[in-house]
Amino acid sequence: MAPSSLADSAFLRLPQIIGDAKATPPIPPLIPVSRSTFWAGVKAGRFPQPVKLSPGVTVWRAADLMRYIADAGKEA
């Protein structure tokens, strides 16, 4: 999923963010880190905070992720 094709109001789940090579078709990562690294970054405030839609559903706002990716590109 190309970052430019995401609506600002979209929500993404973790496999859509960090990718899933086992999915059919494979999902490329927006942020290429492991699951544990991503959650550690969320806890530390490095990555955007999630939104709980229900007890078993955690999502992130696409706008927050795109802002993070844009800011990270400026630092590189």
C-alpha atoms as a PDB file:
ATOM      1  CA  MET A   1       0.000   0.000   0.000  1.00  0.00           C
ATOM      2  CA  ALA A   2       1.617   3.245  -1.097  1.00  0.00           C
ATOM      3  CA  PRO A   3       1.656   5.950   1.588  1.00  0.00           C
ATOM      4  CA  SER A   4       0.325   8.548  -0.854  1.00  0.00           C
ATOM      5  CA  SER A   5      -2.788   6.433  -1.532  1.00  0.00           C
ATOM      6  CA  LEU A   6      -3.946   6.431   2.101  1.00  0.00           C
ATOM      7  CA  ALA A   7      -6.749   8.722   3.207  1.00  0.00           C
ATOM      8  CA  ASP A   8      -5.934  10.851   6.246  1.00  0.00           C
ATOM      9  CA  SER A   9      -8.946   9.361   8.025  1.00  0.00           C
ATOM     10  CA  ALA A  10      -7.856   5.742   7.395  1.00  0.00           C
ATOM     11  CA  PHE A  11      -6.882   3.358  10.158  1.00  0.00           C
ATOM     12  CA  LEU A  12      -4.124   0.766   9.797  1.00  0.00           C
ATOM     13  CA  ARG A  13      -3.525  -2.406  11.777  1.00  0.00           C
ATOM     14  CA  LEU A  14      -0.059  -3.587  12.746  1.00  0.00           C
ATOM     15  CA  PRO A  15       0.557  -5.967   9.780  1.00  0.00           C
ATOM     16  CA  GLN A  16      -0.222  -3.078   7.416  1.00  0.00           C
ATOM     17  CA  ILE A  17       2.417  -0.968   9.172  1.00  0.00           C
ATOM     18  CA  ILE A  18       5.288  -3.423   9.680  1.00  0.00           C
ATOM     19  CA  GLY A  19       4.402  -5.660   6.719  1.00  0.00           C
ATOM     20  CA  ASP A  20       3.530  -9.336   6.464  1.00  0.00           C
ATOM     21  CA  ALA A  21       5.599 -11.467   4.085  1.00  0.00           C
ATOM     22  CA  LYS A  22       3.368 -14.507   4.734  1.00  0.00           C
ATOM     23  CA  ALA A  23       0.154 -12.800   3.581  1.00  0.00           C
ATOM     24  CA  THR A  24      -1.247 -13.486   0.131  1.00  0.00           C
ATOM     25  CA  PRO A  25      -0.270 -11.201  -1.508  1.00  0.00           C
ATOM     26  CA  PRO A  26       2.612 -10.117   0.746  1.00  0.00           C
ATOM     27  CA  ILE A  27       2.145  -6.782   2.500  1.00  0.00           C
ATOM     28  CA  PRO A  28       5.179  -4.490   2.197  1.00  0.00           C
ATOM     29  CA  PRO A  29       6.116  -2.556   5.347  1.00  0.00           C
ATOM     30  CA  LEU A  30       5.551   1.174   5.765  1.00  0.00           C
ATOM     31  CA  ILE A  31       7.927   1.087   8.736  1.00  0.00           C
ATOM     32  CA  PRO A  32      10.384  -1.823   8.335  1.00  0.00           C
ATOM     33  CA  VAL A  33      10.869  -2.934  11.950  1.00  0.00           C
ATOM     34  CA  SER A  34       9.888  -6.028  13.927  1.00  0.00           C
ATOM     35  CA  ARG A  35       6.681  -6.269  15.933  1.00  0.00           C
ATOM     36  CA  SER A  36       8.540  -5.994  19.256  1.00  0.00           C
ATOM     37  CA  THR A  37      10.621  -3.025  18.059  1.00  0.00           C
ATOM     38  CA  PHE A  38       7.471  -1.245  16.914  1.00  0.00           C
ATOM     39  CA  TRP A  39       5.696  -1.781  20.249  1.00  0.00           C
ATOM     40  CA  ALA A  40       8.804  -0.670  22.162  1.00  0.00           C
ATOM     41  CA  GLY A  41       8.860   2.472  20.004  1.00  0.00           C
ATOM     42  CA  VAL A  42       5.175   3.129  20.746  1.00  0.00           C
ATOM     43  CA  LYS A  43       5.841   2.749  24.469  1.00  0.00           C
ATOM     44  CA  ALA A  44       8.870   5.079  24.272  1.00  0.00           C
ATOM     45  CA  GLY A  45       6.931   7.666  22.250  1.00  0.00           C
ATOM     46  CA  ARG A  46       9.041   7.190  19.102  1.00  0.00           C
ATOM     47  CA  PHE A  47       6.111   5.870  17.039  1.00  0.00           C
ATOM     48  CA  PRO A  48       2.508   7.208  17.035  1.00  0.00           C
ATOM     49  CA  GLN A  49       0.135   6.087  19.766  1.00  0.00           C
ATOM     50  CA  PRO A  50      -2.556   3.552  18.836  1.00  0.00           C
ATOM     51  CA  VAL A  51      -6.327   3.855  19.011  1.00  0.00           C
ATOM     52  CA  LYS A  52      -8.309   1.018  20.641  1.00  0.00           C
ATOM     53  CA  LEU A  53     -11.482   0.349  18.645  1.00  0.00           C
ATOM     54  CA  SER A  54     -12.419  -2.593  20.878  1.00  0.00           C
ATOM     55  CA  PRO A  55     -10.601  -4.859  23.368  1.00  0.00           C
ATOM     56  CA  GLY A  56      -9.174  -6.955  20.524  1.00  0.00           C
ATOM     57  CA  VAL A  57      -8.715  -4.296  17.840  1.00  0.00           C
ATOM     58  CA  THR A  58      -5.848  -1.808  17.909  1.00  0.00           C
ATOM     59  CA  VAL A  59      -5.271   0.578  15.001  1.00  0.00           C
ATOM     60  CA  TRP A  60      -3.163   3.603  14.135  1.00  0.00           C
ATOM     61  CA  ARG A  61      -4.301   6.712  12.272  1.00  0.00           C
ATOM     62  CA  ALA A  62      -2.789   6.806   8.772  1.00  0.00           C
ATOM     63  CA  ALA A  63      -2.257  10.565   9.107  1.00  0.00           C
ATOM     64  CA  ASP A  64      -0.135  10.055  12.256  1.00  0.00           C
ATOM     65  CA  LEU A  65       1.953   7.378  10.539  1.00  0.00           C
ATOM     66  CA  MET A  66       2.468   9.455   7.384  1.00  0.00           C
ATOM     67  CA  ARG A  67       3.564  12.407   9.547  1.00  0.00           C
ATOM     68  CA  TYR A  68       6.046  10.134  11.369  1.00  0.00           C
ATOM     69  CA  ILE A  69       7.423   8.784   8.063  1.00  0.00           C
ATOM     70  CA  ALA A  70       7.782  12.317   6.634  1.00  0.00           C
ATOM     71  CA  ASP A  71       9.551  13.534   9.793  1.00  0.00           C
ATOM     72  CA  ALA A  72      11.846  10.499   9.844  1.00  0.00           C
ATOM     73  CA  GLY A  73      12.809  11.216   6.233  1.00  0.00           C
ATOM     74  CA  LYS A  74      13.858  14.748   7.192  1.00  0.00           C
ATOM     75  CA  GLU A  75      16.181  13.414   9.917  1.00  0.00           C
ATOM     76  CA  ALA A  76      17.973  10.958   7.602  1.00  0.00           C
END
